[in-house]
Amino acid sequence: MSKQTLQLLKQEFTIHSLDCDEAVPQAVLNSEIFFIAKTSDELSIVCESGIKVDSLAAETHWRALEVIGPLGFSLTGIMANISGVLAKSNISIFTLSTYDTDYILVKQSQIQHAIQALKKDGYLLL
């Protein structure tokens, strides 16, 4: 399988945990990029760090690497390969997917190390 091209997004992100019954803040919905996941136990929001969210818990200072897509649903192993490279370098990740592509969030303090590891493994980073 050929290596995908990745792009580092300019935004810094925060991962929020909220009660499952909380409303999503309008500022989140109005922002350029955000991710929302809801289960019967929790509501998770990933959004730009400058957006105020009254959350139960928050993890700050994340950067996002976008796998340039669109990626077909028949493709396999993309996230497994990328996460494997980063795991070998002891880099924790938080992953997200959309219909067209995948995103790998890495703590700001480790983003340059992550980029170096991915480049060394043959990934192209824009």
Protein backbone atom coordinates (compact mmCIF):
# COMPACT_ATOMS: atom_id res chain seq x y z
CA MET A 1 0.00 0.00 0.00
CA SER A 2 1.35 3.42 -0.90
CA LYS A 3 1.71 6.02 1.82
CA GLN A 4 -0.88 8.76 2.09
CA THR A 5 -0.20 12.47 2.06
CA LEU A 6 -0.89 14.27 5.33
CA GLN A 7 -1.45 17.93 6.06
CA LEU A 8 -0.98 19.67 9.39
CA LEU A 9 -3.99 21.89 10.10
CA LYS A 10 -3.29 25.36 11.43
CA GLN A 11 -5.76 25.20 14.32
CA GLU A 12 -5.12 24.03 17.85
CA PHE A 13 -7.91 21.84 19.22
CA THR A 14 -9.43 20.93 22.56
CA ILE A 15 -11.26 17.67 23.24
CA HIS A 16 -14.27 18.19 25.53
CA SER A 17 -16.39 15.73 27.47
CA LEU A 18 -19.92 16.77 28.39
CA ASP A 19 -22.99 15.18 29.87
CA CYS A 20 -24.94 13.37 27.16
CA ASP A 21 -27.93 15.70 27.65
CA GLU A 22 -25.98 18.94 27.16
CA ALA A 23 -26.67 21.11 24.15
CA VAL A 24 -23.88 21.75 21.67
CA PRO A 25 -22.84 25.41 22.01
CA GLN A 26 -23.78 27.57 19.02
CA ALA A 27 -20.19 28.83 18.81
CA VAL A 28 -19.09 25.27 18.05
CA LEU A 29 -21.73 24.85 15.37
CA ASN A 30 -20.71 28.17 13.79
CA SER A 31 -17.00 27.33 13.68
CA GLU A 32 -15.00 26.30 10.62
CA ILE A 33 -14.17 22.80 11.83
CA PHE A 34 -15.52 20.68 14.67
CA PHE A 35 -16.33 17.06 15.49
CA ILE A 36 -19.19 15.80 17.65
CA ALA A 37 -19.87 12.30 18.96
CA LYS A 38 -22.72 11.33 21.26
CA THR A 39 -23.58 8.10 23.07
CA SER A 40 -26.00 7.31 25.88
CA ASP A 41 -23.14 8.06 28.30
CA GLU A 42 -21.45 11.17 26.97
CA LEU A 43 -21.18 13.95 24.45
CA SER A 44 -17.72 14.61 23.05
CA ILE A 45 -16.81 17.74 21.15
CA VAL A 46 -13.53 18.46 19.41
CA CYS A 47 -13.23 22.09 18.42
CA GLU A 48 -10.77 24.94 18.07
CA SER A 49 -9.26 25.82 21.43
CA GLY A 50 -10.46 29.42 21.27
CA ILE A 51 -14.11 28.34 21.51
CA LYS A 52 -15.54 28.40 25.04
CA VAL A 53 -17.23 25.13 26.00
CA ASP A 54 -18.46 24.51 29.55
CA SER A 55 -17.35 20.89 29.72
CA LEU A 56 -16.95 18.32 32.48
CA ALA A 57 -13.39 17.62 31.35
CA ALA A 58 -11.15 18.95 28.60
CA GLU A 59 -7.86 17.96 27.00
CA THR A 60 -6.13 20.96 25.47
CA HIS A 61 -3.28 21.60 23.03
CA TRP A 62 -3.99 19.10 20.25
CA ARG A 63 -2.96 19.53 16.61
CA ALA A 64 -4.55 17.69 13.70
CA LEU A 65 -2.98 15.86 10.79
CA GLU A 66 -5.46 15.39 7.95
CA VAL A 67 -5.09 12.39 5.68
CA ILE A 68 -5.62 14.01 2.29
CA GLY A 69 -8.63 12.37 0.69
CA PRO A 70 -11.13 11.49 -0.33
CA LEU A 71 -10.44 7.98 0.86
CA GLY A 72 -12.55 5.15 -0.49
CA PHE A 73 -14.33 2.85 1.95
CA SER A 74 -12.59 -0.13 0.35
CA LEU A 75 -9.17 1.11 1.50
CA THR A 76 -7.87 -0.79 4.52
CA GLY A 77 -5.13 -0.27 7.06
CA ILE A 78 -4.67 3.49 6.68
CA MET A 79 -5.23 4.36 10.33
CA ALA A 80 -3.57 1.17 11.51
CA ASN A 81 -0.39 2.01 9.62
CA ILE A 82 -0.25 5.64 10.73
CA SER A 83 -1.09 4.82 14.34
CA GLY A 84 1.52 2.04 14.29
CA VAL A 85 4.25 4.44 13.19
CA LEU A 86 3.28 6.87 15.95
CA ALA A 87 2.94 4.13 18.58
CA LYS A 88 6.48 2.96 17.83
CA SER A 89 7.58 6.52 18.62
CA ASN A 90 5.55 6.56 21.88
CA ILE A 91 3.19 9.24 20.57
CA SER A 92 -0.40 9.14 21.83
CA ILE A 93 -3.11 9.96 19.33
CA PHE A 94 -6.81 10.72 19.15
CA THR A 95 -8.40 9.78 15.83
CA LEU A 96 -11.45 11.07 14.00
CA SER A 97 -13.02 10.19 10.69
CA THR A 98 -15.40 11.87 8.29
CA TYR A 99 -17.05 10.46 5.20
CA ASP A 100 -14.09 11.47 3.01
CA THR A 101 -11.02 11.29 5.22
CA ASP A 102 -9.35 10.69 8.57
CA TYR A 103 -7.72 12.97 11.12
CA ILE A 104 -5.02 12.14 13.64
CA LEU A 105 -4.77 14.45 16.63
CA VAL A 106 -1.42 14.68 18.39
CA LYS A 107 -0.49 16.80 21.39
CA GLN A 108 1.20 20.06 20.39
CA SER A 109 4.26 19.09 22.43
CA GLN A 110 4.74 15.97 20.25
CA ILE A 111 3.66 17.18 16.81
CA GLN A 112 7.15 17.76 15.42
CA HIS A 113 8.27 14.34 16.67
CA ALA A 114 5.18 12.82 15.01
CA ILE A 115 5.89 14.58 11.72
CA GLN A 116 9.50 13.38 11.76
CA ALA A 117 8.44 9.78 12.47
CA LEU A 118 5.85 9.81 9.67
CA LYS A 119 8.26 11.36 7.17
CA LYS A 120 10.90 8.79 8.09
CA ASP A 121 8.34 6.06 7.35
CA GLY A 122 7.63 7.49 3.89
CA TYR A 123 4.61 9.72 4.44
CA LEU A 124 4.52 13.04 2.63
CA LEU A 125 3.55 15.99 4.83
CA LEU A 126 2.34 19.26 3.40
